[in-house]
């Protein structure tokens, strides 16, 4: 398992042969090292924090968001709901890619950084995208209202069957003139 701790961009973590418990443990070690325990985790001199849940930064939900994907289902009343309960190998094997993208220290890699207005829960929200064009990988941050920090929204591989590349192209078309 320790070999995954030394993996660099653009290799993949080797997680397919581990049990669910082992896989979770190694992914959590990488997450803690690069994100949760990293006091310098920032972008454009703004600290990146997980979203708040009940006025507390929810690190566990962020970890699950970066390693699982959502599925839609209907409740007993027929309402469409989402739950994040499907382990996502594509997201997880790229977990160690987040920090080098945030640091913007990748050489010879085409990365687009831009802010765009997106529609979320019936409102326009500004999001900042770090988009690796070559590897079809995106990290999404949301500036806090204060403008001093970011919330970490997500990071994932743009899967064609889930509309990924098209959705990022839409956001790029609505690109704002400044990066928030």
N, C-alpha and C. Protein backbone atom coordinates (compact mmCIF):
# COMPACT_ATOMS: atom_id res chain seq x y z
N UNK A 1 0.81 -1.20 0.00
CA UNK A 1 0.00 0.00 0.00
C UNK A 1 0.85 1.26 0.00
N UNK A 2 2.03 1.19 0.60
CA UNK A 2 2.89 2.37 0.70
C UNK A 2 3.31 2.88 -0.67
N UNK A 3 3.35 2.00 -1.66
CA UNK A 3 3.76 2.44 -3.00
C UNK A 3 2.81 3.49 -3.54
N UNK A 4 1.54 3.49 -3.14
CA UNK A 4 0.60 4.50 -3.59
C UNK A 4 0.94 5.87 -3.01
N UNK A 5 1.59 5.92 -1.86
CA UNK A 5 1.93 7.20 -1.23
C UNK A 5 3.03 7.94 -1.99
N UNK A 6 3.76 7.26 -2.84
CA UNK A 6 4.83 7.92 -3.60
C UNK A 6 4.45 8.14 -5.07
N UNK A 7 3.23 7.80 -5.45
CA UNK A 7 2.78 8.00 -6.83
C UNK A 7 2.72 9.49 -7.13
N UNK A 8 3.08 9.85 -8.35
CA UNK A 8 3.08 11.24 -8.81
C UNK A 8 2.10 11.39 -9.97
N UNK A 9 1.75 12.64 -10.27
CA UNK A 9 0.97 12.93 -11.46
C UNK A 9 1.80 12.47 -12.65
N UNK A 10 1.34 11.82 -13.58
CA UNK A 10 0.06 11.44 -14.08
C UNK A 10 -0.18 9.93 -14.00
N UNK A 11 0.50 9.28 -13.06
CA UNK A 11 0.25 7.86 -12.82
C UNK A 11 -1.06 7.72 -12.04
N UNK A 12 -1.57 6.51 -12.02
CA UNK A 12 -2.79 6.23 -11.28
C UNK A 12 -2.46 5.47 -10.01
N UNK A 13 -3.26 5.70 -8.99
CA UNK A 13 -3.13 4.90 -7.78
C UNK A 13 -3.58 3.47 -8.10
N UNK A 14 -2.92 2.52 -7.49
CA UNK A 14 -3.27 1.11 -7.69
C UNK A 14 -4.14 0.68 -6.52
N UNK A 15 -5.45 0.66 -6.76
CA UNK A 15 -6.40 0.41 -5.68
C UNK A 15 -7.36 -0.74 -5.98
N UNK A 16 -7.32 -1.26 -7.19
CA UNK A 16 -8.30 -2.27 -7.60
C UNK A 16 -8.20 -3.59 -6.88
N UNK A 17 -7.05 -3.94 -6.36
CA UNK A 17 -6.87 -5.25 -5.73
C UNK A 17 -7.02 -5.22 -4.21
N UNK A 18 -7.29 -4.06 -3.64
CA UNK A 18 -7.45 -3.94 -2.19
C UNK A 18 -8.88 -4.25 -1.77
N UNK A 19 -9.03 -4.66 -0.53
CA UNK A 19 -10.37 -4.77 0.04
C UNK A 19 -10.92 -3.35 0.21
N UNK A 20 -12.21 -3.26 0.42
CA UNK A 20 -12.83 -1.94 0.61
C UNK A 20 -12.19 -1.19 1.78
N UNK A 21 -11.91 -1.89 2.85
CA UNK A 21 -11.31 -1.27 4.04
C UNK A 21 -9.88 -0.80 3.76
N UNK A 22 -9.08 -1.61 3.09
CA UNK A 22 -7.70 -1.23 2.76
C UNK A 22 -7.69 -0.05 1.80
N UNK A 23 -8.57 -0.12 0.81
CA UNK A 23 -8.66 0.95 -0.18
C UNK A 23 -9.03 2.26 0.50
N UNK A 24 -10.00 2.22 1.38
CA UNK A 24 -10.42 3.42 2.10
C UNK A 24 -9.27 3.98 2.94
N UNK A 25 -8.52 3.11 3.57
CA UNK A 25 -7.41 3.55 4.43
C UNK A 25 -6.31 4.26 3.62
N UNK A 26 -5.91 3.68 2.48
CA UNK A 26 -4.85 4.30 1.69
C UNK A 26 -5.34 5.61 1.06
N UNK A 27 -6.58 5.64 0.59
CA UNK A 27 -7.10 6.87 0.02
C UNK A 27 -7.21 7.96 1.08
N UNK A 28 -7.59 7.59 2.27
CA UNK A 28 -7.69 8.57 3.35
C UNK A 28 -6.30 9.10 3.73
N UNK A 29 -5.28 8.25 3.70
CA UNK A 29 -3.91 8.71 3.98
C UNK A 29 -3.48 9.77 2.96
N UNK A 30 -3.78 9.52 1.70
CA UNK A 30 -3.42 10.48 0.64
C UNK A 30 -4.22 11.76 0.80
N UNK A 31 -5.51 11.63 1.06
CA UNK A 31 -6.38 12.79 1.27
C UNK A 31 -5.89 13.63 2.45
N UNK A 32 -5.58 12.98 3.56
CA UNK A 32 -5.11 13.70 4.74
C UNK A 32 -3.79 14.40 4.46
N UNK A 33 -2.86 13.71 3.81
CA UNK A 33 -1.56 14.29 3.51
C UNK A 33 -1.68 15.51 2.60
N UNK A 34 -2.44 15.39 1.52
CA UNK A 34 -2.51 16.44 0.50
C UNK A 34 -3.51 17.55 0.81
N UNK A 35 -4.57 17.22 1.53
CA UNK A 35 -5.67 18.17 1.69
C UNK A 35 -5.97 18.47 3.16
N UNK A 36 -6.47 17.50 3.89
CA UNK A 36 -6.99 17.74 5.24
C UNK A 36 -5.92 18.24 6.21
N UNK A 37 -4.72 17.68 6.18
CA UNK A 37 -3.66 18.06 7.12
C UNK A 37 -2.65 19.05 6.51
N UNK A 38 -2.91 19.50 5.30
CA UNK A 38 -2.00 20.39 4.59
C UNK A 38 -2.33 21.85 4.94
N UNK A 39 -1.51 22.45 5.80
CA UNK A 39 -1.77 23.83 6.22
C UNK A 39 -1.57 24.85 5.10
N UNK A 40 -0.89 24.44 4.02
CA UNK A 40 -0.65 25.33 2.89
C UNK A 40 -1.59 25.04 1.71
N UNK A 41 -2.69 24.35 1.96
CA UNK A 41 -3.61 24.01 0.89
C UNK A 41 -4.36 25.26 0.47
N UNK A 42 -3.86 25.90 -0.58
CA UNK A 42 -4.44 27.16 -1.03
C UNK A 42 -4.26 27.30 -2.53
N UNK A 43 -5.08 28.19 -3.11
CA UNK A 43 -5.04 28.49 -4.54
C UNK A 43 -5.13 29.99 -4.69
N UNK A 44 -4.21 30.56 -5.45
CA UNK A 44 -4.15 32.01 -5.64
C UNK A 44 -4.14 32.74 -4.30
N UNK A 45 -3.36 32.24 -3.38
CA UNK A 45 -3.18 32.82 -2.04
C UNK A 45 -4.46 32.85 -1.22
N UNK A 46 -5.42 31.99 -1.54
CA UNK A 46 -6.64 31.86 -0.76
C UNK A 46 -6.71 30.44 -0.22
N UNK A 47 -6.99 30.30 1.05
CA UNK A 47 -7.10 28.99 1.68
C UNK A 47 -8.30 28.24 1.10
N UNK A 48 -8.13 26.94 0.89
CA UNK A 48 -9.22 26.09 0.40
C UNK A 48 -9.74 25.28 1.58
N UNK A 49 -11.05 25.36 1.78
CA UNK A 49 -11.68 24.66 2.90
C UNK A 49 -12.82 23.78 2.36
N UNK A 50 -13.14 22.72 3.11
CA UNK A 50 -14.34 21.95 2.74
C UNK A 50 -15.59 22.78 3.02
N UNK A 51 -16.70 22.39 2.43
CA UNK A 51 -17.96 23.06 2.73
C UNK A 51 -18.30 22.89 4.20
N UNK A 52 -19.07 23.81 4.71
CA UNK A 52 -19.51 23.72 6.11
C UNK A 52 -20.80 22.92 6.20
N UNK A 53 -20.91 22.18 7.27
CA UNK A 53 -22.14 21.47 7.59
C UNK A 53 -22.42 21.77 9.06
N UNK A 54 -23.52 22.44 9.30
CA UNK A 54 -23.86 22.88 10.65
C UNK A 54 -22.73 23.71 11.26
N UNK A 55 -22.21 24.66 10.48
CA UNK A 55 -21.16 25.60 10.87
C UNK A 55 -19.82 24.95 11.21
N UNK A 56 -19.60 23.73 10.75
CA UNK A 56 -18.31 23.05 10.95
C UNK A 56 -17.83 22.59 9.58
N UNK A 57 -16.53 22.77 9.30
CA UNK A 57 -15.97 22.31 8.04
C UNK A 57 -16.06 20.78 8.00
N UNK A 58 -16.70 20.26 6.96
CA UNK A 58 -17.02 18.84 6.88
C UNK A 58 -15.99 18.09 6.02
N UNK A 59 -14.88 17.71 6.63
CA UNK A 59 -13.78 17.04 5.94
C UNK A 59 -14.20 15.65 5.47
N UNK A 60 -14.98 14.93 6.28
CA UNK A 60 -15.39 13.58 5.91
C UNK A 60 -16.29 13.57 4.67
N UNK A 61 -17.18 14.52 4.57
CA UNK A 61 -18.04 14.61 3.38
C UNK A 61 -17.22 14.94 2.15
N UNK A 62 -16.22 15.80 2.29
CA UNK A 62 -15.36 16.13 1.16
C UNK A 62 -14.61 14.88 0.70
N UNK A 63 -14.07 14.11 1.63
CA UNK A 63 -13.37 12.87 1.27
C UNK A 63 -14.31 11.94 0.50
N UNK A 64 -15.53 11.77 0.99
CA UNK A 64 -16.47 10.90 0.29
C UNK A 64 -16.81 11.46 -1.08
N UNK A 65 -16.94 12.77 -1.17
CA UNK A 65 -17.25 13.40 -2.45
C UNK A 65 -16.14 13.17 -3.48
N UNK A 66 -14.91 13.09 -3.01
CA UNK A 66 -13.78 12.92 -3.92
C UNK A 66 -13.51 11.46 -4.28
N UNK A 67 -14.20 10.53 -3.64
CA UNK A 67 -13.95 9.11 -3.89
C UNK A 67 -15.21 8.32 -4.26
N UNK A 68 -16.38 8.93 -4.17
CA UNK A 68 -17.63 8.27 -4.52
C UNK A 68 -18.39 9.13 -5.52
N UNK A 69 -19.32 8.52 -6.23
CA UNK A 69 -20.17 9.28 -7.14
C UNK A 69 -21.63 9.12 -6.73
N UNK A 70 -22.44 9.99 -7.26
CA UNK A 70 -23.86 10.00 -6.90
C UNK A 70 -24.67 9.14 -7.85
N UNK A 71 -25.80 8.71 -7.33
CA UNK A 71 -26.80 8.08 -8.18
C UNK A 71 -28.15 8.68 -7.81
N UNK A 72 -29.02 8.78 -8.80
CA UNK A 72 -30.36 9.29 -8.54
C UNK A 72 -31.28 8.14 -8.19
N UNK A 73 -32.23 8.42 -7.33
CA UNK A 73 -33.25 7.44 -6.98
C UNK A 73 -34.53 8.19 -6.63
N UNK A 74 -35.61 7.48 -6.57
CA UNK A 74 -36.89 8.10 -6.21
C UNK A 74 -37.28 7.63 -4.81
N UNK A 75 -37.75 8.59 -4.00
CA UNK A 75 -38.21 8.23 -2.66
C UNK A 75 -39.64 7.67 -2.75
N UNK A 76 -40.22 7.38 -1.63
CA UNK A 76 -41.56 6.78 -1.60
C UNK A 76 -42.63 7.69 -2.20
N UNK A 77 -42.38 9.00 -2.22
CA UNK A 77 -43.33 9.96 -2.80
C UNK A 77 -43.05 10.24 -4.27
N UNK A 78 -42.05 9.57 -4.86
CA UNK A 78 -41.73 9.75 -6.27
C UNK A 78 -40.80 10.91 -6.56
N UNK A 79 -40.28 11.58 -5.51
CA UNK A 79 -39.34 12.69 -5.71
C UNK A 79 -37.97 12.14 -6.08
N UNK A 80 -37.29 12.82 -7.02
CA UNK A 80 -35.94 12.42 -7.39
C UNK A 80 -34.96 12.95 -6.35
N UNK A 81 -34.14 12.07 -5.84
CA UNK A 81 -33.12 12.42 -4.86
C UNK A 81 -31.79 11.84 -5.32
N UNK A 82 -30.72 12.34 -4.73
CA UNK A 82 -29.39 11.81 -5.03
C UNK A 82 -28.76 11.30 -3.75
N UNK A 83 -27.98 10.25 -3.90
CA UNK A 83 -27.17 9.79 -2.79
C UNK A 83 -25.80 9.43 -3.34
N UNK A 84 -24.80 9.70 -2.54
CA UNK A 84 -23.42 9.47 -2.93
C UNK A 84 -22.97 8.18 -2.25
N UNK A 85 -23.15 7.06 -2.96
CA UNK A 85 -22.85 5.78 -2.33
C UNK A 85 -22.18 4.77 -3.26
N UNK A 86 -21.74 5.20 -4.43
CA UNK A 86 -21.09 4.29 -5.36
C UNK A 86 -19.61 4.65 -5.43
N UNK A 87 -18.75 3.70 -5.02
CA UNK A 87 -17.32 3.97 -5.07
C UNK A 87 -16.93 4.25 -6.52
N UNK A 88 -16.15 5.30 -6.72
CA UNK A 88 -15.75 5.74 -8.06
C UNK A 88 -14.25 5.52 -8.24
N UNK A 89 -13.90 4.47 -8.97
CA UNK A 89 -12.49 4.17 -9.21
C UNK A 89 -11.81 5.29 -9.99
N UNK A 90 -12.51 5.88 -10.95
CA UNK A 90 -11.91 6.93 -11.78
C UNK A 90 -11.53 8.15 -10.94
N UNK A 91 -12.39 8.58 -10.05
CA UNK A 91 -12.07 9.70 -9.15
C UNK A 91 -10.95 9.31 -8.20
N UNK A 92 -11.10 8.14 -7.61
CA UNK A 92 -10.19 7.72 -6.54
C UNK A 92 -8.77 7.49 -7.02
N UNK A 93 -8.60 6.89 -8.19
CA UNK A 93 -7.25 6.61 -8.65
C UNK A 93 -6.50 7.88 -9.07
N UNK A 94 -7.22 9.01 -9.10
CA UNK A 94 -6.61 10.31 -9.42
C UNK A 94 -6.57 11.24 -8.19
N UNK A 95 -6.86 10.73 -7.02
CA UNK A 95 -6.93 11.57 -5.82
C UNK A 95 -5.64 12.35 -5.59
N UNK A 96 -4.51 11.75 -5.87
CA UNK A 96 -3.21 12.41 -5.67
C UNK A 96 -2.91 13.46 -6.74
N UNK A 97 -3.77 13.61 -7.73
CA UNK A 97 -3.61 14.63 -8.77
C UNK A 97 -4.06 16.01 -8.27
N UNK A 98 -4.86 16.06 -7.23
CA UNK A 98 -5.45 17.33 -6.80
C UNK A 98 -4.38 18.34 -6.42
N UNK A 99 -3.47 17.98 -5.54
CA UNK A 99 -2.49 18.93 -5.05
C UNK A 99 -1.61 19.53 -6.15
N UNK A 100 -1.05 18.75 -7.08
CA UNK A 100 -0.24 19.39 -8.13
C UNK A 100 -1.06 20.33 -9.02
N UNK A 101 -2.34 20.06 -9.19
CA UNK A 101 -3.17 20.98 -9.97
C UNK A 101 -3.44 22.26 -9.19
N UNK A 102 -3.71 22.13 -7.91
CA UNK A 102 -3.95 23.31 -7.06
C UNK A 102 -2.70 24.19 -7.02
N UNK A 103 -1.54 23.54 -6.92
CA UNK A 103 -0.27 24.27 -6.87
C UNK A 103 0.14 24.84 -8.22
N UNK A 104 -0.51 24.38 -9.29
CA UNK A 104 -0.17 24.79 -10.67
C UNK A 104 1.31 24.59 -10.96
N UNK A 105 1.85 23.47 -10.52
CA UNK A 105 3.27 23.18 -10.72
C UNK A 105 3.52 22.12 -11.79
N UNK A 106 2.52 21.83 -12.60
CA UNK A 106 2.68 20.82 -13.63
C UNK A 106 3.30 21.44 -14.87
N UNK A 107 4.37 20.85 -15.34
CA UNK A 107 5.08 21.36 -16.52
C UNK A 107 4.53 20.67 -17.78
N UNK A 108 4.46 21.41 -18.86
CA UNK A 108 4.03 20.87 -20.15
C UNK A 108 2.64 20.23 -20.09
N UNK A 109 1.77 20.80 -19.29
CA UNK A 109 0.40 20.32 -19.16
C UNK A 109 -0.51 21.51 -19.46
N UNK A 110 -1.46 21.32 -20.37
CA UNK A 110 -2.37 22.42 -20.71
C UNK A 110 -3.48 22.49 -19.66
N UNK A 111 -3.42 23.52 -18.84
CA UNK A 111 -4.42 23.73 -17.79
C UNK A 111 -5.11 25.07 -18.02
N UNK A 112 -6.42 25.04 -18.03
CA UNK A 112 -7.24 26.25 -18.13
C UNK A 112 -7.77 26.57 -16.74
N UNK A 113 -7.54 27.79 -16.30
CA UNK A 113 -8.08 28.25 -15.02
C UNK A 113 -9.03 29.39 -15.33
N UNK A 114 -10.27 29.25 -14.89
CA UNK A 114 -11.26 30.29 -15.17
C UNK A 114 -12.39 30.22 -14.15
N UNK A 115 -13.11 31.31 -14.04
CA UNK A 115 -14.32 31.37 -13.21
C UNK A 115 -15.50 31.53 -14.13
N UNK A 116 -16.62 30.98 -13.71
CA UNK A 116 -17.83 31.00 -14.52
C UNK A 116 -19.04 30.99 -13.60
N UNK A 117 -20.15 31.54 -14.09
CA UNK A 117 -21.41 31.44 -13.36
C UNK A 117 -22.08 30.14 -13.77
N UNK A 118 -22.49 29.38 -12.77
CA UNK A 118 -23.22 28.14 -13.02
C UNK A 118 -24.53 28.19 -12.26
N UNK A 119 -25.48 27.43 -12.71
CA UNK A 119 -26.79 27.36 -12.06
C UNK A 119 -26.76 26.25 -11.03
N UNK A 120 -27.05 26.56 -9.77
CA UNK A 120 -27.04 25.58 -8.69
C UNK A 120 -28.24 25.84 -7.80
N UNK A 121 -29.11 24.87 -7.71
CA UNK A 121 -30.31 24.97 -6.87
C UNK A 121 -31.11 26.24 -7.16
N UNK A 122 -31.27 26.55 -8.45
CA UNK A 122 -32.08 27.69 -8.85
C UNK A 122 -31.42 29.04 -8.72
N UNK A 123 -30.12 29.06 -8.40
CA UNK A 123 -29.39 30.33 -8.27
C UNK A 123 -28.14 30.31 -9.13
N UNK A 124 -27.70 31.50 -9.54
CA UNK A 124 -26.41 31.63 -10.21
C UNK A 124 -25.31 31.66 -9.15
N UNK A 125 -24.31 30.82 -9.31
CA UNK A 125 -23.20 30.72 -8.37
C UNK A 125 -21.91 30.82 -9.16
N UNK A 126 -20.95 31.54 -8.62
CA UNK A 126 -19.64 31.62 -9.28
C UNK A 126 -18.79 30.45 -8.82
N UNK A 127 -18.19 29.78 -9.78
CA UNK A 127 -17.30 28.66 -9.49
C UNK A 127 -15.99 28.92 -10.24
N UNK A 128 -14.89 28.49 -9.65
CA UNK A 128 -13.58 28.58 -10.29
C UNK A 128 -13.15 27.17 -10.68
N UNK A 129 -12.74 27.02 -11.91
CA UNK A 129 -12.38 25.73 -12.48
C UNK A 129 -10.89 25.66 -12.75
N UNK A 130 -10.29 24.54 -12.41
CA UNK A 130 -8.92 24.22 -12.80
C UNK A 130 -9.07 22.99 -13.69
N UNK A 131 -8.91 23.21 -14.98
CA UNK A 131 -9.26 22.19 -15.97
C UNK A 131 -8.02 21.72 -16.72
N UNK A 132 -7.70 20.44 -16.56
CA UNK A 132 -6.60 19.81 -17.30
C UNK A 132 -7.17 19.33 -18.62
N UNK A 133 -6.86 20.05 -19.68
CA UNK A 133 -7.43 19.77 -21.00
C UNK A 133 -6.97 18.41 -21.52
N UNK A 134 -5.68 18.11 -21.37
CA UNK A 134 -5.14 16.87 -21.91
C UNK A 134 -5.69 15.63 -21.21
N UNK A 135 -5.82 15.66 -19.91
CA UNK A 135 -6.26 14.50 -19.14
C UNK A 135 -7.75 14.52 -18.82
N UNK A 136 -8.47 15.56 -19.28
CA UNK A 136 -9.90 15.67 -19.04
C UNK A 136 -10.24 15.53 -17.55
N UNK A 137 -9.57 16.36 -16.76
CA UNK A 137 -9.71 16.31 -15.31
C UNK A 137 -10.01 17.73 -14.83
N UNK A 138 -10.93 17.85 -13.88
CA UNK A 138 -11.32 19.18 -13.42
C UNK A 138 -11.41 19.22 -11.89
N UNK A 139 -11.01 20.36 -11.35
CA UNK A 139 -11.17 20.67 -9.94
C UNK A 139 -12.05 21.91 -9.88
N UNK A 140 -13.06 21.89 -9.00
CA UNK A 140 -13.98 23.01 -8.92
C UNK A 140 -13.95 23.58 -7.51
N UNK A 141 -13.72 24.88 -7.45
CA UNK A 141 -13.70 25.62 -6.19
C UNK A 141 -14.81 26.68 -6.24
N UNK A 142 -15.27 27.07 -5.07
CA UNK A 142 -16.25 28.15 -5.01
C UNK A 142 -15.74 29.22 -4.07
N UNK A 143 -15.62 30.45 -4.56
CA UNK A 143 -15.16 31.51 -3.66
C UNK A 143 -16.16 31.75 -2.53
N UNK A 144 -15.64 31.90 -1.32
CA UNK A 144 -16.51 32.23 -0.20
C UNK A 144 -17.03 33.65 -0.38
N UNK A 145 -18.14 33.94 0.25
CA UNK A 145 -18.73 35.28 0.11
C UNK A 145 -17.76 36.39 0.48
N UNK A 146 -16.89 36.12 1.45
CA UNK A 146 -15.92 37.13 1.88
C UNK A 146 -14.89 37.42 0.80
N UNK A 147 -14.73 36.49 -0.14
CA UNK A 147 -13.71 36.65 -1.18
C UNK A 147 -12.31 36.30 -0.70
N UNK A 148 -12.19 35.90 0.55
CA UNK A 148 -10.87 35.63 1.12
C UNK A 148 -10.42 34.18 0.95
N UNK A 149 -11.34 33.25 0.86
CA UNK A 149 -11.02 31.82 0.78
C UNK A 149 -11.90 31.15 -0.26
N UNK A 150 -11.61 29.86 -0.48
CA UNK A 150 -12.43 29.02 -1.37
C UNK A 150 -13.03 27.87 -0.59
N UNK A 151 -14.18 27.40 -1.07
CA UNK A 151 -14.69 26.10 -0.67
C UNK A 151 -14.29 25.11 -1.74
N UNK A 152 -13.90 23.92 -1.33
CA UNK A 152 -13.55 22.86 -2.26
C UNK A 152 -14.85 22.15 -2.62
N UNK A 153 -15.26 22.23 -3.87
CA UNK A 153 -16.52 21.62 -4.29
C UNK A 153 -16.30 20.18 -4.73
N UNK A 154 -15.40 19.97 -5.71
CA UNK A 154 -15.18 18.61 -6.20
C UNK A 154 -13.97 18.54 -7.12
N UNK A 155 -13.61 17.33 -7.48
CA UNK A 155 -12.57 17.04 -8.47
C UNK A 155 -12.93 15.71 -9.10
N UNK A 156 -12.86 15.64 -10.42
CA UNK A 156 -13.23 14.39 -11.08
C UNK A 156 -12.72 14.34 -12.52
N UNK A 157 -12.72 13.12 -13.03
CA UNK A 157 -12.40 12.85 -14.43
C UNK A 157 -13.67 13.11 -15.24
N UNK A 158 -13.52 13.78 -16.37
CA UNK A 158 -14.67 14.11 -17.20
C UNK A 158 -15.06 12.91 -18.06
N UNK A 159 -16.00 12.16 -17.59
CA UNK A 159 -16.47 10.95 -18.26
C UNK A 159 -17.43 11.33 -19.38
N UNK A 160 -17.14 10.87 -20.60
CA UNK A 160 -17.97 11.24 -21.74
C UNK A 160 -19.41 10.77 -21.60
N UNK A 161 -19.62 9.58 -21.02
CA UNK A 161 -21.00 9.11 -20.92
C UNK A 161 -21.82 9.90 -19.91
N UNK A 162 -21.16 10.63 -19.02
CA UNK A 162 -21.88 11.47 -18.06
C UNK A 162 -21.92 12.93 -18.50
N UNK A 163 -21.52 13.22 -19.75
CA UNK A 163 -21.60 14.57 -20.29
C UNK A 163 -20.49 15.50 -19.84
N UNK A 164 -19.44 14.97 -19.23
CA UNK A 164 -18.37 15.77 -18.67
C UNK A 164 -17.73 16.79 -19.58
N UNK A 165 -17.14 16.36 -20.71
CA UNK A 165 -16.47 17.33 -21.59
C UNK A 165 -17.42 18.42 -22.09
N UNK A 166 -18.67 18.06 -22.38
CA UNK A 166 -19.63 19.07 -22.85
C UNK A 166 -19.95 20.07 -21.75
N UNK A 167 -20.08 19.59 -20.51
CA UNK A 167 -20.44 20.50 -19.42
C UNK A 167 -19.31 21.49 -19.15
N UNK A 168 -18.07 21.05 -19.24
CA UNK A 168 -16.95 21.97 -19.00
C UNK A 168 -16.85 22.98 -20.15
N UNK A 169 -17.17 22.55 -21.36
CA UNK A 169 -17.16 23.48 -22.50
C UNK A 169 -18.23 24.55 -22.32
N UNK A 170 -19.40 24.17 -21.79
CA UNK A 170 -20.45 25.16 -21.51
C UNK A 170 -19.96 26.20 -20.51
N UNK A 171 -19.31 25.71 -19.46
CA UNK A 171 -18.79 26.63 -18.43
C UNK A 171 -17.72 27.54 -19.02
N UNK A 172 -16.89 27.01 -19.90
CA UNK A 172 -15.85 27.83 -20.53
C UNK A 172 -16.45 28.91 -21.41
N UNK A 173 -17.56 28.63 -22.05
CA UNK A 173 -18.24 29.62 -22.89
C UNK A 173 -18.76 30.78 -22.04
N UNK A 174 -19.12 30.50 -20.78
CA UNK A 174 -19.61 31.54 -19.88
C UNK A 174 -18.50 32.09 -18.99
N UNK A 175 -17.29 31.91 -19.42
CA UNK A 175 -16.13 32.33 -18.63
C UNK A 175 -16.19 33.82 -18.31
N UNK A 176 -15.91 34.14 -17.05
CA UNK A 176 -15.90 35.54 -16.60
C UNK A 176 -14.54 36.16 -16.91
N UNK A 177 -14.47 37.46 -16.93
CA UNK A 177 -13.24 38.14 -17.29
C UNK A 177 -12.16 38.09 -16.20
N UNK A 178 -12.57 37.75 -14.97
CA UNK A 178 -11.60 37.63 -13.87
C UNK A 178 -11.75 36.26 -13.21
N UNK A 179 -10.68 35.85 -12.54
CA UNK A 179 -10.73 34.61 -11.78
C UNK A 179 -11.05 34.98 -10.34
N UNK A 180 -12.12 34.44 -9.84
CA UNK A 180 -12.54 34.75 -8.47
C UNK A 180 -11.85 33.83 -7.49
